[in-house]
C-alpha atoms as a PDB file:
ATOM      1  CA  MET A   1     -36.761 -21.295  -8.345  1.00  0.00           C
ATOM      2  CA  GLY A   2     -33.970 -21.103  -5.842  1.00  0.00           C
ATOM      3  CA  PHE A   3     -31.109 -18.673  -5.231  1.00  0.00           C
ATOM      4  CA  PRO A   4     -29.635 -16.605  -8.101  1.00  0.00           C
ATOM      5  CA  GLU A   5     -26.266 -18.100  -9.066  1.00  0.00           C
ATOM      6  CA  HIS A   6     -24.113 -15.253  -7.733  1.00  0.00           C
ATOM      7  CA  ILE A   7     -25.694 -15.445  -4.342  1.00  0.00           C
ATOM      8  CA  TRP A   8     -25.301 -19.217  -4.183  1.00  0.00           C
ATOM      9  CA  GLU A   9     -21.624 -19.012  -5.074  1.00  0.00           C
ATOM     10  CA  ALA A  10     -21.055 -16.309  -2.481  1.00  0.00           C
ATOM     11  CA  ALA A  11     -22.740 -18.455   0.179  1.00  0.00           C
ATOM     12  CA  LEU A  12     -20.314 -21.346  -0.633  1.00  0.00           C
ATOM     13  CA  THR A  13     -17.052 -19.313  -0.228  1.00  0.00           C
ATOM     14  CA  LYS A  14     -15.072 -19.825   3.000  1.00  0.00           C
ATOM     15  CA  THR A  15     -14.441 -16.811   5.251  1.00  0.00           C
ATOM     16  CA  ARG A  16     -10.833 -15.821   5.076  1.00  0.00           C
ATOM     17  CA  ARG A  17      -9.215 -15.666   8.560  1.00  0.00           C
ATOM     18  CA  LEU A  18      -6.445 -13.040   8.855  1.00  0.00           C
ATOM     19  CA  SER A  19      -3.545 -13.682  11.176  1.00  0.00           C
ATOM     20  CA  ASP A  20      -2.531 -11.120  13.770  1.00  0.00           C
ATOM     21  CA  PRO A  21       0.937 -10.602  12.071  1.00  0.00           C
ATOM     22  CA  PHE A  22      -0.791  -9.973   8.744  1.00  0.00           C
ATOM     23  CA  LYS A  23      -3.134  -7.451  10.354  1.00  0.00           C
ATOM     24  CA  ALA A  24      -0.127  -5.722  12.067  1.00  0.00           C
ATOM     25  CA  ARG A  25       1.753  -5.462   8.743  1.00  0.00           C
ATOM     26  CA  VAL A  26      -1.281  -3.956   6.959  1.00  0.00           C
ATOM     27  CA  ALA A  27      -1.905  -1.483   9.947  1.00  0.00           C
ATOM     28  CA  LEU A  28       1.701  -0.407  10.019  1.00  0.00           C
ATOM     29  CA  GLU A  29       1.722   0.164   6.237  1.00  0.00           C
ATOM     30  CA  ALA A  30      -1.427   2.266   6.565  1.00  0.00           C
ATOM     31  CA  LEU A  31       0.098   4.363   9.427  1.00  0.00           C
ATOM     32  CA  ARG A  32       3.205   5.031   7.476  1.00  0.00           C
ATOM     33  CA  GLY A  33       1.063   7.021   4.941  1.00  0.00           C
ATOM     34  CA  ASP A  34       3.238   6.521   1.872  1.00  0.00           C
ATOM     35  CA  ARG A  35       0.414   4.631   0.040  1.00  0.00           C
ATOM     36  CA  THR A  36      -3.308   5.265  -0.210  1.00  0.00           C
ATOM     37  CA  ILE A  37      -5.862   3.039   1.520  1.00  0.00           C
ATOM     38  CA  GLN A  38      -6.913   1.814  -1.923  1.00  0.00           C
ATOM     39  CA  GLU A  39      -3.310   0.783  -2.802  1.00  0.00           C
ATOM     40  CA  ILE A  40      -2.880  -1.046   0.499  1.00  0.00           C
ATOM     41  CA  ALA A  41      -6.209  -2.828   0.237  1.00  0.00           C
ATOM     42  CA  THR A  42      -5.484  -3.943  -3.291  1.00  0.00           C
ATOM     43  CA  ARG A  43      -1.975  -5.055  -2.508  1.00  0.00           C
ATOM     44  CA  HIS A  44      -3.153  -7.295   0.396  1.00  0.00           C
ATOM     45  CA  ARG A  45      -6.441  -8.337  -1.251  1.00  0.00           C
ATOM     46  CA  VAL A  46      -8.675  -7.062   1.567  1.00  0.00           C
ATOM     47  CA  HIS A  47     -11.626  -4.677   1.500  1.00  0.00           C
ATOM     48  CA  LEU A  48     -11.105  -0.910   2.063  1.00  0.00           C
ATOM     49  CA  ASN A  49     -13.019  -1.057   5.304  1.00  0.00           C
ATOM     50  CA  GLN A  50     -10.572  -3.566   6.718  1.00  0.00           C
ATOM     51  CA  VAL A  51      -7.711  -1.113   6.210  1.00  0.00           C
ATOM     52  CA  SER A  52      -9.364   2.073   7.231  1.00  0.00           C
ATOM     53  CA  THR A  53     -11.106   1.054  10.463  1.00  0.00           C
END
């Protein structure tokens, strides 16, 4: 039995740590308002919730 393959692979991935300067750049880009949250998240390869909250 065991874990389904997609769950096992997700468990093995390492958590990505975001630096403070990176967070600041993303936040400033979001505050400027010239791009959508979706565009910013895609550009920086982060989840939408990490941009909007």
